[in-house]
Amino acid sequence: MKITQQLRIHGKVQGVFFRESMRAQGAVLHVTGWVRNRRDGTVEAMVQGAPEAVAMIVAWARRGPQAARVDHVDVRAGEGDYTTFDRLPTH
């Protein structure tokens, strides 16, 4: 069984290697989906995988990489079917 969740990460999350770090963490956890910067300064991600793996990447997103400062993460049900974890252009 796999689940999909959409995340919106708020705080100092752009320009701190957040997207690439999240993509790498997704590979470690066998999570697929995508991550991108948003013009409003947030980072958005769609993550898909086993419930335990998705919970682990959501927990990681609440901390982020060392240079980030995560204020809060909005989590909601997501949709789609993903086979890789990609970095998408800013939206």
PDB file of N, CA and C in Angstrom:
ATOM      1  N   MET A   1       0.841  -1.188   0.000  1.00  0.00           N
ATOM      2  CA  MET A   1       0.000   0.000   0.000  1.00  0.00           C
ATOM      3  C   MET A   1       0.883   1.248   0.000  1.00  0.00           C
ATOM      4  N   LYS A   2       0.488   2.238  -0.781  1.00  0.00           N
ATOM      5  CA  LYS A   2       1.206   3.510  -0.765  1.00  0.00           C
ATOM      6  C   LYS A   2       0.221   4.650  -0.577  1.00  0.00           C
ATOM      7  N   ILE A   3       0.738   5.729  -0.013  1.00  0.00           N
ATOM      8  CA  ILE A   3      -0.068   6.927   0.192  1.00  0.00           C
ATOM      9  C   ILE A   3       0.631   8.104  -0.470  1.00  0.00           C
ATOM     10  N   THR A   4      -0.143   9.169  -0.708  1.00  0.00           N
ATOM     11  CA  THR A   4       0.392  10.383  -1.324  1.00  0.00           C
ATOM     12  C   THR A   4      -0.030  11.573  -0.473  1.00  0.00           C
ATOM     13  N   GLN A   5       0.946  12.433  -0.148  1.00  0.00           N
ATOM     14  CA  GLN A   5       0.645  13.646   0.601  1.00  0.00           C
ATOM     15  C   GLN A   5       1.302  14.840  -0.065  1.00  0.00           C
ATOM     16  N   GLN A   6       0.606  15.967  -0.004  1.00  0.00           N
ATOM     17  CA  GLN A   6       1.127  17.221  -0.528  1.00  0.00           C
ATOM     18  C   GLN A   6       1.559  18.075   0.663  1.00  0.00           C
ATOM     19  N   LEU A   7       2.770  18.626   0.571  1.00  0.00           N
ATOM     20  CA  LEU A   7       3.332  19.431   1.655  1.00  0.00           C
ATOM     21  C   LEU A   7       3.562  20.857   1.188  1.00  0.00           C
ATOM     22  N   ARG A   8       3.343  21.806   2.072  1.00  0.00           N
ATOM     23  CA  ARG A   8       3.759  23.188   1.844  1.00  0.00           C
ATOM     24  C   ARG A   8       4.596  23.566   3.056  1.00  0.00           C
ATOM     25  N   ILE A   9       5.884  23.854   2.811  1.00  0.00           N
ATOM     26  CA  ILE A   9       6.832  24.097   3.888  1.00  0.00           C
ATOM     27  C   ILE A   9       7.096  25.600   3.976  1.00  0.00           C
ATOM     28  N   HIS A  10       6.885  26.168   5.157  1.00  0.00           N
ATOM     29  CA  HIS A  10       7.025  27.602   5.399  1.00  0.00           C
ATOM     30  C   HIS A  10       8.238  27.873   6.279  1.00  0.00           C
ATOM     31  N   GLY A  11       8.877  29.007   6.056  1.00  0.00           N
ATOM     32  CA  GLY A  11      10.028  29.422   6.854  1.00  0.00           C
ATOM     33  C   GLY A  11      11.151  29.878   5.942  1.00  0.00           C
ATOM     34  N   LYS A  12      12.389  29.771   6.432  1.00  0.00           N
ATOM     35  CA  LYS A  12      13.558  30.067   5.601  1.00  0.00           C
ATOM     36  C   LYS A  12      13.930  28.756   4.906  1.00  0.00           C
ATOM     37  N   VAL A  13      13.273  28.511   3.764  1.00  0.00           N
ATOM     38  CA  VAL A  13      13.390  27.211   3.100  1.00  0.00           C
ATOM     39  C   VAL A  13      13.862  27.309   1.651  1.00  0.00           C
ATOM     40  N   GLN A  14      14.090  28.516   1.180  1.00  0.00           N
ATOM     41  CA  GLN A  14      14.643  28.677  -0.166  1.00  0.00           C
ATOM     42  C   GLN A  14      16.072  29.189  -0.052  1.00  0.00           C
ATOM     43  N   GLY A  15      16.934  28.722  -0.961  1.00  0.00           N
ATOM     44  CA  GLY A  15      18.328  29.141  -0.946  1.00  0.00           C
ATOM     45  C   GLY A  15      19.139  28.445   0.137  1.00  0.00           C
ATOM     46  N   VAL A  16      18.622  27.325   0.662  1.00  0.00           N
ATOM     47  CA  VAL A  16      19.318  26.598   1.732  1.00  0.00           C
ATOM     48  C   VAL A  16      19.499  25.123   1.384  1.00  0.00           C
ATOM     49  N   PHE A  17      19.409  24.800   0.085  1.00  0.00           N
ATOM     50  CA  PHE A  17      19.614  23.429  -0.389  1.00  0.00           C
ATOM     51  C   PHE A  17      18.465  22.503   0.012  1.00  0.00           C
ATOM     52  N   PHE A  18      17.273  23.084   0.257  1.00  0.00           N
ATOM     53  CA  PHE A  18      16.130  22.298   0.731  1.00  0.00           C
ATOM     54  C   PHE A  18      15.667  21.299  -0.310  1.00  0.00           C
ATOM     55  N   ARG A  19      15.472  21.744  -1.541  1.00  0.00           N
ATOM     56  CA  ARG A  19      14.925  20.849  -2.574  1.00  0.00           C
ATOM     57  C   ARG A  19      15.835  19.666  -2.845  1.00  0.00           C
ATOM     58  N   GLU A  20      17.115  19.916  -3.029  1.00  0.00           N
ATOM     59  CA  GLU A  20      18.035  18.820  -3.325  1.00  0.00           C
ATOM     60  C   GLU A  20      18.177  17.894  -2.130  1.00  0.00           C
ATOM     61  N   SER A  21      18.200  18.452  -0.926  1.00  0.00           N
ATOM     62  CA  SER A  21      18.279  17.620   0.274  1.00  0.00           C
ATOM     63  C   SER A  21      17.031  16.742   0.413  1.00  0.00           C
ATOM     64  N   MET A  22      15.864  17.306   0.098  1.00  0.00           N
ATOM     65  CA  MET A  22      14.632  16.526   0.193  1.00  0.00           C
ATOM     66  C   MET A  22      14.598  15.432  -0.866  1.00  0.00           C
ATOM     67  N   ARG A  23      15.073  15.745  -2.058  1.00  0.00           N
ATOM     68  CA  ARG A  23      15.117  14.739  -3.118  1.00  0.00           C
ATOM     69  C   ARG A  23      16.032  13.587  -2.706  1.00  0.00           C
ATOM     70  N   ALA A  24      17.176  13.911  -2.143  1.00  0.00           N
ATOM     71  CA  ALA A  24      18.111  12.880  -1.685  1.00  0.00           C
ATOM     72  C   ALA A  24      17.497  12.054  -0.549  1.00  0.00           C
ATOM     73  N   GLN A  25      16.807  12.712   0.374  1.00  0.00           N
ATOM     74  CA  GLN A  25      16.150  11.992   1.464  1.00  0.00           C
ATOM     75  C   GLN A  25      15.064  11.078   0.920  1.00  0.00           C
ATOM     76  N   GLY A  26      14.344  11.533  -0.099  1.00  0.00           N
ATOM     77  CA  GLY A  26      13.336  10.687  -0.734  1.00  0.00           C
ATOM     78  C   GLY A  26      13.945   9.425  -1.318  1.00  0.00           C
ATOM     79  N   ALA A  27      15.124   9.547  -1.924  1.00  0.00           N
ATOM     80  CA  ALA A  27      15.801   8.382  -2.488  1.00  0.00           C
ATOM     81  C   ALA A  27      16.169   7.391  -1.386  1.00  0.00           C
ATOM     82  N   VAL A  28      16.672   7.892  -0.263  1.00  0.00           N
ATOM     83  CA  VAL A  28      17.041   7.028   0.863  1.00  0.00           C
ATOM     84  C   VAL A  28      15.817   6.274   1.388  1.00  0.00           C
ATOM     85  N   LEU A  29      14.675   6.961   1.448  1.00  0.00           N
ATOM     86  CA  LEU A  29      13.460   6.382   2.023  1.00  0.00           C
ATOM     87  C   LEU A  29      12.591   5.649   0.994  1.00  0.00           C
ATOM     88  N   HIS A  30      13.006   5.646  -0.270  1.00  0.00           N
ATOM     89  CA  HIS A  30      12.221   5.034  -1.355  1.00  0.00           C
ATOM     90  C   HIS A  30      10.867   5.728  -1.504  1.00  0.00           C
ATOM     91  N   VAL A  31      10.902   7.057  -1.406  1.00  0.00           N
ATOM     92  CA  VAL A  31       9.723   7.892  -1.601  1.00  0.00           C
ATOM     93  C   VAL A  31       9.840   8.542  -2.976  1.00  0.00           C
ATOM     94  N   THR A  32       8.739   8.607  -3.697  1.00  0.00           N
ATOM     95  CA  THR A  32       8.718   9.250  -5.011  1.00  0.00           C
ATOM     96  C   THR A  32       7.879  10.518  -4.926  1.00  0.00           C
ATOM     97  N   GLY A  33       7.895  11.303  -6.003  1.00  0.00           N
ATOM     98  CA  GLY A  33       7.112  12.531  -6.068  1.00  0.00           C
ATOM     99  C   GLY A  33       7.913  13.661  -6.659  1.00  0.00           C
ATOM    100  N   TRP A  34       7.746  14.857  -6.107  1.00  0.00           N
ATOM    101  CA  TRP A  34       8.476  16.030  -6.597  1.00  0.00           C
ATOM    102  C   TRP A  34       8.555  17.090  -5.507  1.00  0.00           C
ATOM    103  N   VAL A  35       9.463  18.042  -5.725  1.00  0.00           N
ATOM    104  CA  VAL A  35       9.630  19.171  -4.820  1.00  0.00           C
ATOM    105  C   VAL A  35       9.966  20.404  -5.657  1.00  0.00           C
ATOM    106  N   ARG A  36       9.439  21.562  -5.272  1.00  0.00           N
ATOM    107  CA  ARG A  36       9.720  22.806  -6.008  1.00  0.00           C
ATOM    108  C   ARG A  36       9.575  24.013  -5.095  1.00  0.00           C
ATOM    109  N   ASN A  37      10.298  25.080  -5.461  1.00  0.00           N
ATOM    110  CA  ASN A  37      10.102  26.373  -4.814  1.00  0.00           C
ATOM    111  C   ASN A  37       8.827  26.995  -5.339  1.00  0.00           C
ATOM    112  N   ARG A  38       8.195  27.808  -4.500  1.00  0.00           N
ATOM    113  CA  ARG A  38       7.045  28.595  -4.927  1.00  0.00           C
ATOM    114  C   ARG A  38       7.430  30.065  -4.843  1.00  0.00           C
ATOM    115  N   ARG A  39       6.821  30.851  -5.687  1.00  0.00           N
ATOM    116  CA  ARG A  39       7.153  32.276  -5.746  1.00  0.00           C
ATOM    117  C   ARG A  39       6.856  33.010  -4.440  1.00  0.00           C
ATOM    118  N   ASP A  40       5.997  32.432  -3.597  1.00  0.00           N
ATOM    119  CA  ASP A  40       5.668  33.082  -2.320  1.00  0.00           C
ATOM    120  C   ASP A  40       6.701  32.796  -1.228  1.00  0.00           C
ATOM    121  N   GLY A  41       7.796  32.093  -1.572  1.00  0.00           N
ATOM    122  CA  GLY A  41       8.858  31.824  -0.610  1.00  0.00           C
ATOM    123  C   GLY A  41       8.756  30.475   0.088  1.00  0.00           C
ATOM    124  N   THR A  42       7.680  29.737  -0.169  1.00  0.00           N
ATOM    125  CA  THR A  42       7.532  28.408   0.422  1.00  0.00           C
ATOM    126  C   THR A  42       8.144  27.355  -0.493  1.00  0.00           C
ATOM    127  N   VAL A  43       8.230  26.142   0.011  1.00  0.00           N
ATOM    128  CA  VAL A  43       8.598  24.979  -0.799  1.00  0.00           C
ATOM    129  C   VAL A  43       7.388  24.058  -0.792  1.00  0.00           C
ATOM    130  N   GLU A  44       7.053  23.520  -1.961  1.00  0.00           N
ATOM    131  CA  GLU A  44       5.928  22.606  -2.097  1.00  0.00           C
ATOM    132  C   GLU A  44       6.464  21.247  -2.526  1.00  0.00           C
ATOM    133  N   ALA A  45       5.868  20.189  -1.993  1.00  0.00           N
ATOM    134  CA  ALA A  45       6.297  18.843  -2.369  1.00  0.00           C
ATOM    135  C   ALA A  45       5.096  17.916  -2.427  1.00  0.00           C
ATOM    136  N   MET A  46       5.172  16.932  -3.321  1.00  0.00           N
ATOM    137  CA  MET A  46       4.227  15.833  -3.381  1.00  0.00           C
ATOM    138  C   MET A  46       5.052  14.594  -3.093  1.00  0.00           C
ATOM    139  N   VAL A  47       4.690  13.847  -2.066  1.00  0.00           N
ATOM    140  CA  VAL A  47       5.473  12.676  -1.664  1.00  0.00           C
ATOM    141  C   VAL A  47       4.579  11.446  -1.662  1.00  0.00           C
ATOM    142  N   GLN A  48       5.149  10.334  -2.133  1.00  0.00           N
ATOM    143  CA  GLN A  48       4.365   9.110  -2.266  1.00  0.00           C
ATOM    144  C   GLN A  48       5.222   7.908  -1.885  1.00  0.00           C
ATOM    145  N   GLY A  49       4.631   6.987  -1.157  1.00  0.00           N
ATOM    146  CA  GLY A  49       5.342   5.776  -0.790  1.00  0.00           C
ATOM    147  C   GLY A  49       4.604   5.036   0.302  1.00  0.00           C
ATOM    148  N   ALA A  50       5.310   4.093   0.929  1.00  0.00           N
ATOM    149  CA  ALA A  50       4.746   3.364   2.056  1.00  0.00           C
ATOM    150  C   ALA A  50       4.418   4.358   3.169  1.00  0.00           C
ATOM    151  N   PRO A  51       3.335   4.125   3.906  1.00  0.00           N
ATOM    152  CA  PRO A  51       2.942   5.080   4.955  1.00  0.00           C
ATOM    153  C   PRO A  51       4.075   5.439   5.913  1.00  0.00           C
ATOM    154  N   GLU A  52       4.883   4.452   6.307  1.00  0.00           N
ATOM    155  CA  GLU A  52       5.983   4.716   7.240  1.00  0.00           C
ATOM    156  C   GLU A  52       7.029   5.634   6.602  1.00  0.00           C
ATOM    157  N   ALA A  53       7.333   5.400   5.328  1.00  0.00           N
ATOM    158  CA  ALA A  53       8.332   6.211   4.624  1.00  0.00           C
ATOM    159  C   ALA A  53       7.829   7.635   4.430  1.00  0.00           C
ATOM    160  N   VAL A  54       6.557   7.785   4.086  1.00  0.00           N
ATOM    161  CA  VAL A  54       5.976   9.124   3.926  1.00  0.00           C
ATOM    162  C   VAL A  54       5.997   9.857   5.266  1.00  0.00           C
ATOM    163  N   ALA A  55       5.664   9.168   6.341  1.00  0.00           N
ATOM    164  CA  ALA A  55       5.716   9.799   7.670  1.00  0.00           C
ATOM    165  C   ALA A  55       7.138  10.263   7.984  1.00  0.00           C
ATOM    166  N   MET A  56       8.134   9.471   7.585  1.00  0.00           N
ATOM    167  CA  MET A  56       9.522   9.842   7.858  1.00  0.00           C
ATOM    168  C   MET A  56       9.953  11.058   7.048  1.00  0.00           C
ATOM    169  N   ILE A  57       9.522  11.166   5.769  1.00  0.00           N
ATOM    170  CA  ILE A  57       9.932  12.338   4.979  1.00  0.00           C
ATOM    171  C   ILE A  57       9.165  13.580   5.434  1.00  0.00           C
ATOM    172  N   VAL A  58       7.940  13.418   5.907  1.00  0.00           N
ATOM    173  CA  VAL A  58       7.213  14.563   6.470  1.00  0.00           C
ATOM    174  C   VAL A  58       7.932  15.038   7.732  1.00  0.00           C
ATOM    175  N   ALA A  59       8.370  14.115   8.567  1.00  0.00           N
ATOM    176  CA  ALA A  59       9.124  14.491   9.771  1.00  0.00           C
ATOM    177  C   ALA A  59      10.420  15.189   9.377  1.00  0.00           C
ATOM    178  N   TRP A  60      11.098  14.694   8.337  1.00  0.00           N
ATOM    179  CA  TRP A  60      12.316  15.354   7.858  1.00  0.00           C
ATOM    180  C   TRP A  60      11.994  16.775   7.386  1.00  0.00           C
ATOM    181  N   ALA A  61      10.883  16.953   6.647  1.00  0.00           N
ATOM    182  CA  ALA A  61      10.504  18.274   6.125  1.00  0.00           C
ATOM    183  C   ALA A  61      10.250  19.263   7.261  1.00  0.00           C
ATOM    184  N   ARG A  62       9.835  18.785   8.401  1.00  0.00           N
ATOM    185  CA  ARG A  62       9.600  19.672   9.549  1.00  0.00           C
ATOM    186  C   ARG A  62      10.906  20.217  10.122  1.00  0.00           C
ATOM    187  N   ARG A  63      12.039  19.584   9.806  1.00  0.00           N
ATOM    188  CA  ARG A  63      13.371  20.047  10.220  1.00  0.00           C
ATOM    189  C   ARG A  63      14.113  20.681   9.048  1.00  0.00           C
ATOM    190  N   GLY A  64      14.116  19.983   7.898  1.00  0.00           N
ATOM    191  CA  GLY A  64      14.842  20.434   6.722  1.00  0.00           C
ATOM    192  C   GLY A  64      16.335  20.270   6.880  1.00  0.00           C
ATOM    193  N   PRO A  65      17.097  20.745   5.898  1.00  0.00           N
ATOM    194  CA  PRO A  65      18.556  20.691   6.007  1.00  0.00           C
ATOM    195  C   PRO A  65      19.051  21.678   7.058  1.00  0.00           C
ATOM    196  N   GLN A  66      20.313  21.571   7.395  1.00  0.00           N
ATOM    197  CA  GLN A  66      20.881  22.338   8.508  1.00  0.00           C
ATOM    198  C   GLN A  66      20.664  23.848   8.393  1.00  0.00           C
ATOM    199  N   ALA A  67      20.789  24.414   7.190  1.00  0.00           N
ATOM    200  CA  ALA A  67      20.688  25.868   7.026  1.00  0.00           C
ATOM    201  C   ALA A  67      19.246  26.375   7.011  1.00  0.00           C
ATOM    202  N   ALA A  68      18.274  25.480   6.944  1.00  0.00           N
ATOM    203  CA  ALA A  68      16.867  25.884   6.880  1.00  0.00           C
ATOM    204  C   ALA A  68      16.328  26.232   8.266  1.00  0.00           C
ATOM    205  N   ARG A  69      15.254  27.012   8.263  1.00  0.00           N
ATOM    206  CA  ARG A  69      14.468  27.260   9.472  1.00  0.00           C
ATOM    207  C   ARG A  69      13.013  27.014   9.084  1.00  0.00           C
ATOM    208  N   VAL A  70      12.486  25.895   9.478  1.00  0.00           N
ATOM    209  CA  VAL A  70      11.112  25.534   9.132  1.00  0.00           C
ATOM    210  C   VAL A  70      10.184  26.039  10.221  1.00  0.00           C
ATOM    211  N   ASP A  71       9.241  26.908   9.832  1.00  0.00           N
ATOM    212  CA  ASP A  71       8.263  27.431  10.781  1.00  0.00           C
ATOM    213  C   ASP A  71       7.088  26.474  10.944  1.00  0.00           C
ATOM    214  N   HIS A  72       6.553  25.996   9.835  1.00  0.00           N
ATOM    215  CA  HIS A  72       5.508  24.976   9.887  1.00  0.00           C
ATOM    216  C   HIS A  72       5.332  24.331   8.518  1.00  0.00           C
ATOM    217  N   VAL A  73       4.690  23.166   8.531  1.00  0.00           N
ATOM    218  CA  VAL A  73       4.449  22.395   7.318  1.00  0.00           C
ATOM    219  C   VAL A  73       2.959  22.088   7.246  1.00  0.00           C
ATOM    220  N   ASP A  74       2.329  22.485   6.153  1.00  0.00           N
ATOM    221  CA  ASP A  74       0.939  22.119   5.894  1.00  0.00           C
ATOM    222  C   ASP A  74       0.955  20.782   5.169  1.00  0.00           C
ATOM    223  N   VAL A  75       0.167  19.823   5.629  1.00  0.00           N
ATOM    224  CA  VAL A  75       0.106  18.493   5.027  1.00  0.00           C
ATOM    225  C   VAL A  75      -1.341  18.201   4.674  1.00  0.00           C
ATOM    226  N   ARG A  76      -1.556  17.747   3.438  1.00  0.00           N
ATOM    227  CA  ARG A  76      -2.897  17.334   3.037  1.00  0.00           C
ATOM    228  C   ARG A  76      -2.782  16.156   2.083  1.00  0.00           C
ATOM    229  N   ALA A  77      -3.885  15.507   1.822  1.00  0.00           N
ATOM    230  CA  ALA A  77      -3.888  14.375   0.896  1.00  0.00           C
ATOM    231  C   ALA A  77      -3.458  14.857  -0.482  1.00  0.00           C
ATOM    232  N   GLY A  78      -2.646  14.064  -1.140  1.00  0.00           N
ATOM    233  CA  GLY A  78      -2.193  14.386  -2.488  1.00  0.00           C
ATOM    234  C   GLY A  78      -2.732  13.373  -3.471  1.00  0.00           C
ATOM    235  N   GLU A  79      -2.386  13.570  -4.738  1.00  0.00           N
ATOM    236  CA  GLU A  79      -2.828  12.637  -5.768  1.00  0.00           C
ATOM    237  C   GLU A  79      -1.768  12.519  -6.842  1.00  0.00           C
ATOM    238  N   GLY A  80      -1.907  11.513  -7.671  1.00  0.00           N
ATOM    239  CA  GLY A  80      -0.968  11.258  -8.747  1.00  0.00           C
ATOM    240  C   GLY A  80      -0.271   9.933  -8.534  1.00  0.00           C
ATOM    241  N   ASP A  81       0.548   9.571  -9.501  1.00  0.00           N
ATOM    242  CA  ASP A  81       1.321   8.340  -9.421  1.00  0.00           C
ATOM    243  C   ASP A  81       2.730   8.663  -9.896  1.00  0.00           C
ATOM    244  N   TYR A  82       3.717   8.427  -9.070  1.00  0.00           N
ATOM    245  CA  TYR A  82       5.088   8.866  -9.332  1.00  0.00           C
ATOM    246  C   TYR A  82       6.046   7.682  -9.268  1.00  0.00           C
ATOM    247  N   THR A  83       7.047   7.700 -10.141  1.00  0.00           N
ATOM    248  CA  THR A  83       8.041   6.624 -10.163  1.00  0.00           C
ATOM    249  C   THR A  83       9.439   7.134  -9.782  1.00  0.00           C
ATOM    250  N   THR A  84       9.621   8.450  -9.761  1.00  0.00           N
ATOM    251  CA  THR A  84      10.891   9.064  -9.393  1.00  0.00           C
ATOM    252  C   THR A  84      10.615  10.205  -8.420  1.00  0.00           C
ATOM    253  N   PHE A  85      11.655  10.793  -7.877  1.00  0.00           N
ATOM    254  CA  PHE A  85      11.513  11.996  -7.045  1.00  0.00           C
ATOM    255  C   PHE A  85      12.266  13.101  -7.765  1.00  0.00           C
ATOM    256  N   ASP A  86      11.524  14.088  -8.271  1.00  0.00           N
ATOM    257  CA  ASP A  86      12.097  15.122  -9.134  1.00  0.00           C
ATOM    258  C   ASP A  86      12.099  16.486  -8.466  1.00  0.00           C
ATOM    259  N   ARG A  87      13.041  17.297  -8.884  1.00  0.00           N
ATOM    260  CA  ARG A  87      13.066  18.724  -8.553  1.00  0.00           C
ATOM    261  C   ARG A  87      12.420  19.451  -9.710  1.00  0.00           C
ATOM    262  N   LEU A  88      11.345  20.148  -9.453  1.00  0.00           N
ATOM    263  CA  LEU A  88      10.618  20.866 -10.511  1.00  0.00           C
ATOM    264  C   LEU A  88      10.983  22.356 -10.477  1.00  0.00           C
ATOM    265  N   PRO A  89      10.755  23.044 -11.606  1.00  0.00           N
ATOM    266  CA  PRO A  89      10.999  24.501 -11.643  1.00  0.00           C
ATOM    267  C   PRO A  89      10.066  25.241 -10.677  1.00  0.00           C
ATOM    268  N   THR A  90      10.466  26.432 -10.304  1.00  0.00           N
ATOM    269  CA  THR A  90       9.664  27.293  -9.443  1.00  0.00           C
ATOM    270  C   THR A  90       8.286  27.490 -10.068  1.00  0.00           C
ATOM    271  N   HIS A  91       7.282  27.504  -9.217  1.00  0.00           N
ATOM    272  CA  HIS A  91       5.894  27.671  -9.687  1.00  0.00           C
ATOM    273  C   HIS A  91       5.274  28.859  -8.984  1.00  0.00           C
TER     274      HIS A  91
END
